[in-house]
Amino acid sequence: MEVAVNVILTVVGLAMLCFGGNWLVNGGVTIARKFRISNLVIGMTIVAYGTSTPELAASVAAAGEHSAIILGNIIGSNIANVGMVIGVSAILVPLVVRKSILRKEILIMLGVSLLLVLLSIDGEISQHDGILLLGGLGVFAFYTYKDIMKHREENKEKIEKGKNNIYLKSVGLIGIGITLLYVGAILTVDNAIILAKEFGLSEKIIGLTVIAIGTSLPELITSIIAIRKGHTDIGIGTIVGSNIYNILMIMGVGAALGGVMIDSDVYVDYAIMIIFSLSLLIAIKTGIISRVMGVCLTIGYVAYLAVTFFK
């Protein structure tokens, strides 16, 4: 009976993710049009922050005693974001990539991934390391703010006026969307963990797989909805921004609250995370993430899950 309730709650959580993702995209696109900010920037800021709230909630809840879940959640989510989200999205519709803009952001994503590896060398991401990562988040926030101001300055003549009701409605949609994503992810993740423990999975594996997939569902749903609406820039921007926030914000907060211990076998997962990120850098050279690339990413991710479960 309890298992049936957990399954039902998981389904309810997934439904909330779908509605939340839809409203978040609609609100973000309307604001982008109103202020003539590119969809890519909106994807990397408002949408990426919104879809990262489940990872933040899961990491804060796991801080201290369950730090293995934090580490597994962040690495697993970053791998899932590229392998599952970009992979599945590209299979549905080949993704056109704006090379001139996205290259910098992908390099930043790779840079913060390497920083995470360097901070792990001493066997712990300490509270001081967490504060350093949060400082990096501040720098990145300033960088994206400057980018927004640049876009607004370039398009200041085109900014829509006199539509405050539309603006307020869009902010409301974003707020409701983020709330539904947050609550939906918590319902999905909490009940998925209970179901996973029925099968005797360890905390690290739960973090790398069940929680990582659960907290990446907002990115998946949001990206698919954005792509179906023709806003591929939002889908890609959300993933790149989310992966940066996962390390700087989620790990920063989790480590600052109580430190995160590092096991030696996590370096294999680090390597896979970086390889998946590098695949995006290779993809932007052609300007498109094709269906073939999507299939390769998805197969690679499924293989990673299989190895993680049985190693």
Protein backbone atom coordinates (compact mmCIF):
# COMPACT_ATOMS: atom_id res chain seq x y z
CA MET A 1 0.00 0.00 0.00
CA GLU A 2 2.81 2.44 0.96
CA VAL A 3 4.62 1.75 -2.31
CA ALA A 4 1.42 2.54 -4.25
CA VAL A 5 1.12 5.89 -2.43
CA ASN A 6 4.75 6.70 -3.27
CA VAL A 7 4.12 5.91 -6.94
CA ILE A 8 1.01 8.15 -6.99
CA LEU A 9 2.87 11.03 -5.31
CA THR A 10 5.71 10.63 -7.81
CA VAL A 11 3.22 10.93 -10.69
CA VAL A 12 1.64 14.02 -9.07
CA GLY A 13 5.12 15.53 -8.76
CA LEU A 14 5.82 14.87 -12.45
CA ALA A 15 2.53 16.56 -13.42
CA MET A 16 3.50 19.64 -11.37
CA LEU A 17 6.85 19.69 -13.16
CA CYS A 18 5.09 19.74 -16.54
CA PHE A 19 2.76 22.62 -15.63
CA GLY A 20 5.55 24.53 -13.86
CA GLY A 21 7.92 24.19 -16.81
CA ASN A 22 5.27 25.43 -19.24
CA TRP A 23 4.46 28.54 -17.20
CA LEU A 24 8.12 29.30 -16.53
CA VAL A 25 8.90 29.26 -20.27
CA ASN A 26 5.85 31.37 -21.16
CA GLY A 27 6.69 33.99 -18.55
CA GLY A 28 10.38 34.07 -19.49
CA VAL A 29 9.70 34.45 -23.23
CA THR A 30 7.23 37.30 -22.64
CA ILE A 31 9.76 39.20 -20.50
CA ALA A 32 12.48 38.58 -23.09
CA ARG A 33 10.28 40.08 -25.79
CA LYS A 34 9.20 43.01 -23.63
CA PHE A 35 12.76 44.07 -22.82
CA ARG A 36 14.34 42.78 -26.05
CA ILE A 37 16.65 40.42 -24.12
CA SER A 38 17.76 37.34 -26.05
CA ASN A 39 16.09 34.01 -25.29
CA LEU A 40 19.55 32.57 -24.60
CA VAL A 41 20.17 35.08 -21.78
CA ILE A 42 16.69 34.45 -20.34
CA GLY A 43 17.39 30.72 -20.48
CA MET A 44 20.71 31.15 -18.66
CA THR A 45 19.28 33.42 -15.95
CA ILE A 46 15.58 33.29 -14.99
CA VAL A 47 14.84 29.84 -16.39
CA ALA A 48 18.15 28.26 -15.30
CA TYR A 49 17.82 29.66 -11.76
CA GLY A 50 14.22 28.45 -11.60
CA THR A 51 14.98 24.92 -12.78
CA SER A 52 17.93 24.70 -10.36
CA THR A 53 15.73 25.21 -7.29
CA PRO A 54 15.11 21.43 -6.85
CA GLU A 55 18.88 20.75 -6.74
CA LEU A 56 19.25 23.54 -4.18
CA ALA A 57 16.41 22.16 -2.05
CA ALA A 58 17.80 18.62 -2.20
CA SER A 59 21.32 19.80 -1.30
CA VAL A 60 20.22 21.96 1.63
CA ALA A 61 18.15 19.04 2.95
CA ALA A 62 21.16 16.71 2.62
CA ALA A 63 23.77 19.12 4.10
CA GLY A 64 25.84 17.69 6.95
CA GLU A 65 25.06 14.01 7.50
CA HIS A 66 24.21 13.16 3.90
CA SER A 67 26.89 15.11 2.01
CA ALA A 68 27.38 12.14 -0.38
CA ILE A 69 23.92 12.92 -1.74
CA ILE A 70 24.96 16.55 -2.45
CA LEU A 71 28.03 15.53 -4.43
CA GLY A 72 26.19 12.77 -6.29
CA ASN A 73 23.26 15.08 -7.03
CA ILE A 74 25.46 17.81 -8.55
CA ILE A 75 27.66 15.52 -10.67
CA GLY A 76 24.73 13.34 -11.68
CA SER A 77 22.55 16.36 -12.55
CA ASN A 78 25.25 17.92 -14.73
CA ILE A 79 25.73 14.63 -16.59
CA ALA A 80 21.95 14.14 -16.89
CA ASN A 81 21.47 17.71 -18.15
CA VAL A 82 23.72 17.05 -21.15
CA GLY A 83 23.21 13.32 -21.70
CA MET A 84 19.48 13.09 -20.96
CA VAL A 85 18.10 16.61 -21.50
CA ILE A 86 20.18 17.77 -24.49
CA GLY A 87 20.22 14.22 -25.88
CA VAL A 88 16.45 13.70 -25.77
CA SER A 89 15.76 17.28 -26.93
CA ALA A 90 18.09 16.89 -29.96
CA ILE A 91 16.39 13.61 -30.89
CA LEU A 92 13.04 15.43 -30.96
CA VAL A 93 14.33 18.47 -32.89
CA PRO A 94 17.93 19.18 -34.05
CA LEU A 95 19.14 22.12 -31.92
CA VAL A 96 20.55 25.17 -33.67
CA VAL A 97 23.40 26.63 -31.60
CA ARG A 98 24.47 30.29 -31.67
CA LYS A 99 28.23 29.72 -31.79
CA SER A 100 29.40 33.29 -31.21
CA ILE A 101 27.50 33.64 -27.93
CA LEU A 102 27.37 30.16 -26.43
CA ARG A 103 31.09 29.34 -26.75
CA LYS A 104 31.97 31.64 -23.82
CA GLU A 105 29.30 30.15 -21.58
CA ILE A 106 30.32 26.57 -22.36
CA LEU A 107 33.95 27.46 -21.55
CA ILE A 108 32.75 28.93 -18.23
CA MET A 109 30.86 25.68 -17.56
CA LEU A 110 34.03 23.67 -18.24
CA GLY A 111 36.07 26.07 -16.10
CA VAL A 112 33.87 25.72 -13.02
CA SER A 113 33.84 21.91 -13.53
CA LEU A 114 37.65 21.87 -13.43
CA LEU A 115 37.57 24.16 -10.37
CA LEU A 116 35.37 21.60 -8.60
CA VAL A 117 37.92 18.87 -9.39
CA LEU A 118 40.80 21.02 -8.06
CA LEU A 119 38.92 21.79 -4.82
CA SER A 120 38.38 18.04 -4.33
CA ILE A 121 42.06 17.06 -4.40
CA ASP A 122 42.47 17.32 -0.62
CA GLY A 123 39.56 14.89 -0.07
CA GLU A 124 37.03 17.52 1.00
CA ILE A 125 35.17 20.51 -0.34
CA SER A 126 35.40 22.54 2.85
CA GLN A 127 33.28 25.40 4.12
CA HIS A 128 35.97 27.81 2.87
CA ASP A 129 35.77 26.17 -0.56
CA GLY A 130 31.99 26.62 -0.44
CA ILE A 131 32.42 30.35 0.23
CA LEU A 132 34.88 30.52 -2.69
CA LEU A 133 32.30 28.89 -4.99
CA LEU A 134 29.63 31.34 -3.83
CA GLY A 135 32.06 34.17 -4.61
CA GLY A 136 32.38 32.70 -8.11
CA LEU A 137 28.59 32.73 -8.34
CA GLY A 138 28.66 36.46 -7.58
CA VAL A 139 31.19 37.04 -10.38
CA PHE A 140 29.09 35.02 -12.84
CA ALA A 141 25.92 36.89 -11.80
CA PHE A 142 27.71 40.19 -12.51
CA TYR A 143 28.83 38.84 -15.91
CA THR A 144 25.27 37.88 -16.87
CA TYR A 145 23.94 41.23 -15.59
CA LYS A 146 26.40 43.06 -17.86
CA ASP A 147 25.25 40.85 -20.74
CA ILE A 148 21.61 41.74 -20.06
CA MET A 149 22.43 45.46 -19.93
CA LYS A 150 24.35 45.14 -23.21
CA HIS A 151 21.36 43.54 -24.93
CA ARG A 152 19.02 46.19 -23.55
CA GLU A 153 21.33 49.01 -24.67
CA GLU A 154 21.56 47.54 -28.19
CA ASN A 155 17.77 47.28 -28.39
CA LYS A 156 16.66 50.20 -26.19
CA GLU A 157 14.61 51.72 -29.01
CA LYS A 158 12.60 48.50 -29.33
CA ILE A 159 11.70 47.96 -25.66
CA GLU A 160 7.95 47.68 -25.34
CA LYS A 161 6.21 50.37 -23.33
CA GLY A 162 2.90 50.63 -21.54
CA LYS A 163 2.23 46.95 -20.90
CA ASN A 164 2.68 46.70 -17.15
CA ASN A 165 -0.21 44.24 -16.87
CA ILE A 166 1.60 41.86 -19.25
CA TYR A 167 4.81 42.32 -17.28
CA LEU A 168 3.09 41.55 -13.96
CA LYS A 169 1.35 38.53 -15.49
CA SER A 170 4.71 37.24 -16.79
CA VAL A 171 6.36 37.65 -13.39
CA GLY A 172 3.40 35.86 -11.84
CA LEU A 173 3.72 32.98 -14.34
CA ILE A 174 7.44 32.69 -13.56
CA GLY A 175 6.76 32.68 -9.81
CA ILE A 176 4.03 30.05 -10.09
CA GLY A 177 6.17 28.01 -12.47
CA ILE A 178 9.18 28.00 -10.14
CA THR A 179 6.95 27.10 -7.17
CA LEU A 180 5.40 24.17 -9.04
CA LEU A 181 8.85 23.02 -10.21
CA TYR A 182 10.13 23.19 -6.63
CA VAL A 183 7.21 21.36 -5.00
CA GLY A 184 6.93 18.90 -7.89
CA ALA A 185 10.63 18.05 -7.71
CA ILE A 186 10.48 17.56 -3.92
CA LEU A 187 7.49 15.21 -4.28
CA THR A 188 9.17 13.32 -7.12
CA VAL A 189 12.58 13.06 -5.46
CA ASP A 190 11.39 12.21 -1.93
CA ASN A 191 9.15 9.41 -3.13
CA ALA A 192 11.70 8.17 -5.66
CA ILE A 193 14.26 7.90 -2.83
CA ILE A 194 11.83 5.81 -0.77
CA LEU A 195 11.25 3.53 -3.76
CA ALA A 196 15.02 3.33 -4.46
CA LYS A 197 15.79 2.37 -0.86
CA GLU A 198 13.38 -0.53 -1.24
CA PHE A 199 15.97 -1.91 -3.68
CA GLY A 200 18.90 -1.27 -1.29
CA LEU A 201 20.68 1.52 -3.23
CA SER A 202 23.47 3.52 -1.48
CA GLU A 203 23.23 7.28 -0.85
CA LYS A 204 25.87 8.06 -3.46
CA ILE A 205 24.12 5.98 -6.13
CA ILE A 206 20.78 7.51 -5.15
CA GLY A 207 22.36 10.95 -5.58
CA LEU A 208 24.01 10.13 -8.92
CA THR A 209 20.92 8.50 -10.40
CA VAL A 210 17.51 8.82 -8.74
CA ILE A 211 17.92 12.33 -7.28
CA ALA A 212 20.01 13.56 -10.23
CA ILE A 213 17.36 12.46 -12.72
CA GLY A 214 14.55 13.75 -10.49
CA THR A 215 16.09 17.19 -10.03
CA SER A 216 16.95 17.35 -13.77
CA LEU A 217 13.33 16.76 -14.73
CA PRO A 218 12.54 20.53 -14.58
CA GLU A 219 15.35 21.16 -17.10
CA LEU A 220 14.09 18.29 -19.28
CA ILE A 221 10.45 19.37 -19.21
CA THR A 222 11.31 23.07 -19.62
CA SER A 223 13.73 22.41 -22.50
CA ILE A 224 11.28 20.17 -24.36
CA ILE A 225 8.47 22.71 -23.92
CA ALA A 226 10.76 25.57 -25.05
CA ILE A 227 11.91 23.58 -28.10
CA ARG A 228 8.35 22.63 -29.04
CA LYS A 229 7.51 26.35 -28.93
CA GLY A 230 10.49 27.08 -31.21
CA HIS A 231 12.73 28.61 -28.52
CA THR A 232 15.79 26.34 -28.78
CA ASP A 233 18.01 29.09 -27.30
CA ILE A 234 16.08 28.85 -24.02
CA GLY A 235 16.50 25.06 -23.94
CA ILE A 236 20.28 25.17 -24.47
CA GLY A 237 20.79 28.25 -22.29
CA THR A 238 18.90 26.58 -19.45
CA ILE A 239 21.24 23.56 -19.48
CA VAL A 240 24.48 25.54 -19.64
CA GLY A 241 23.31 28.00 -16.98
CA SER A 242 21.97 25.22 -14.78
CA ASN A 243 25.26 23.29 -14.88
CA ILE A 244 27.15 26.42 -13.85
CA TYR A 245 24.72 27.15 -11.00
CA ASN A 246 24.81 23.53 -9.83
CA ILE A 247 28.51 23.84 -9.07
CA LEU A 248 28.78 27.47 -7.96
CA MET A 249 25.45 27.85 -6.13
CA ILE A 250 24.33 24.33 -5.12
CA MET A 251 27.75 22.98 -4.16
CA GLY A 252 28.67 26.39 -2.74
CA VAL A 253 25.67 26.40 -0.40
CA GLY A 254 25.98 22.70 0.47
CA ALA A 255 29.70 22.96 1.30
CA ALA A 256 29.34 26.26 3.18
CA LEU A 257 26.71 24.66 5.44
CA GLY A 258 28.88 21.73 6.52
CA GLY A 259 31.56 20.66 4.03
CA VAL A 260 31.39 17.76 1.58
CA MET A 261 33.66 14.71 1.85
CA ILE A 262 35.17 13.34 -1.38
CA ASP A 263 35.67 9.63 -2.16
CA SER A 264 38.50 8.65 -4.49
CA ASP A 265 36.16 6.88 -6.93
CA VAL A 266 34.28 10.13 -7.64
CA TYR A 267 37.01 11.21 -10.08
CA VAL A 268 35.61 8.77 -12.64
CA ASP A 269 32.28 10.60 -12.41
CA TYR A 270 34.09 13.95 -12.66
CA ALA A 271 35.79 12.76 -15.87
CA ILE A 272 32.45 11.69 -17.38
CA MET A 273 30.87 15.03 -16.43
CA ILE A 274 33.70 16.91 -18.20
CA ILE A 275 33.55 14.62 -21.27
CA PHE A 276 29.81 15.28 -21.64
CA SER A 277 30.44 19.03 -21.30
CA LEU A 278 33.21 18.87 -23.92
CA SER A 279 30.76 17.23 -26.33
CA LEU A 280 28.77 20.50 -26.36
CA LEU A 281 31.93 22.46 -27.17
CA ILE A 282 32.55 20.13 -30.12
CA ALA A 283 28.91 20.41 -31.23
CA ILE A 284 28.93 24.22 -31.48
CA LYS A 285 31.64 24.07 -34.16
CA THR A 286 28.99 22.78 -36.58
CA GLY A 287 26.32 25.15 -35.26
CA ILE A 288 23.84 22.34 -34.67
CA ILE A 289 23.29 19.46 -32.24
CA SER A 290 21.95 16.85 -34.64
CA ARG A 291 19.67 13.90 -33.99
CA VAL A 292 22.68 11.61 -34.38
CA MET A 293 24.50 13.57 -31.66
CA GLY A 294 21.35 13.39 -29.53
CA VAL A 295 21.20 9.62 -29.90
CA CYS A 296 24.91 9.32 -28.99
CA LEU A 297 24.45 11.49 -25.88
CA THR A 298 21.38 9.55 -24.77
CA ILE A 299 23.02 6.15 -25.31
CA GLY A 300 26.11 7.39 -23.47
CA TYR A 301 23.97 8.49 -20.55
CA VAL A 302 22.05 5.20 -20.38
CA ALA A 303 25.38 3.34 -20.44
CA TYR A 304 26.64 5.55 -17.60
CA LEU A 305 23.55 4.76 -15.52
CA ALA A 306 23.95 1.04 -16.15
CA VAL A 307 27.64 1.09 -15.10
CA THR A 308 26.84 3.21 -12.02
CA PHE A 309 24.17 0.77 -10.85
CA PHE A 310 26.29 -2.34 -11.31
CA LYS A 311 29.84 -1.20 -10.48
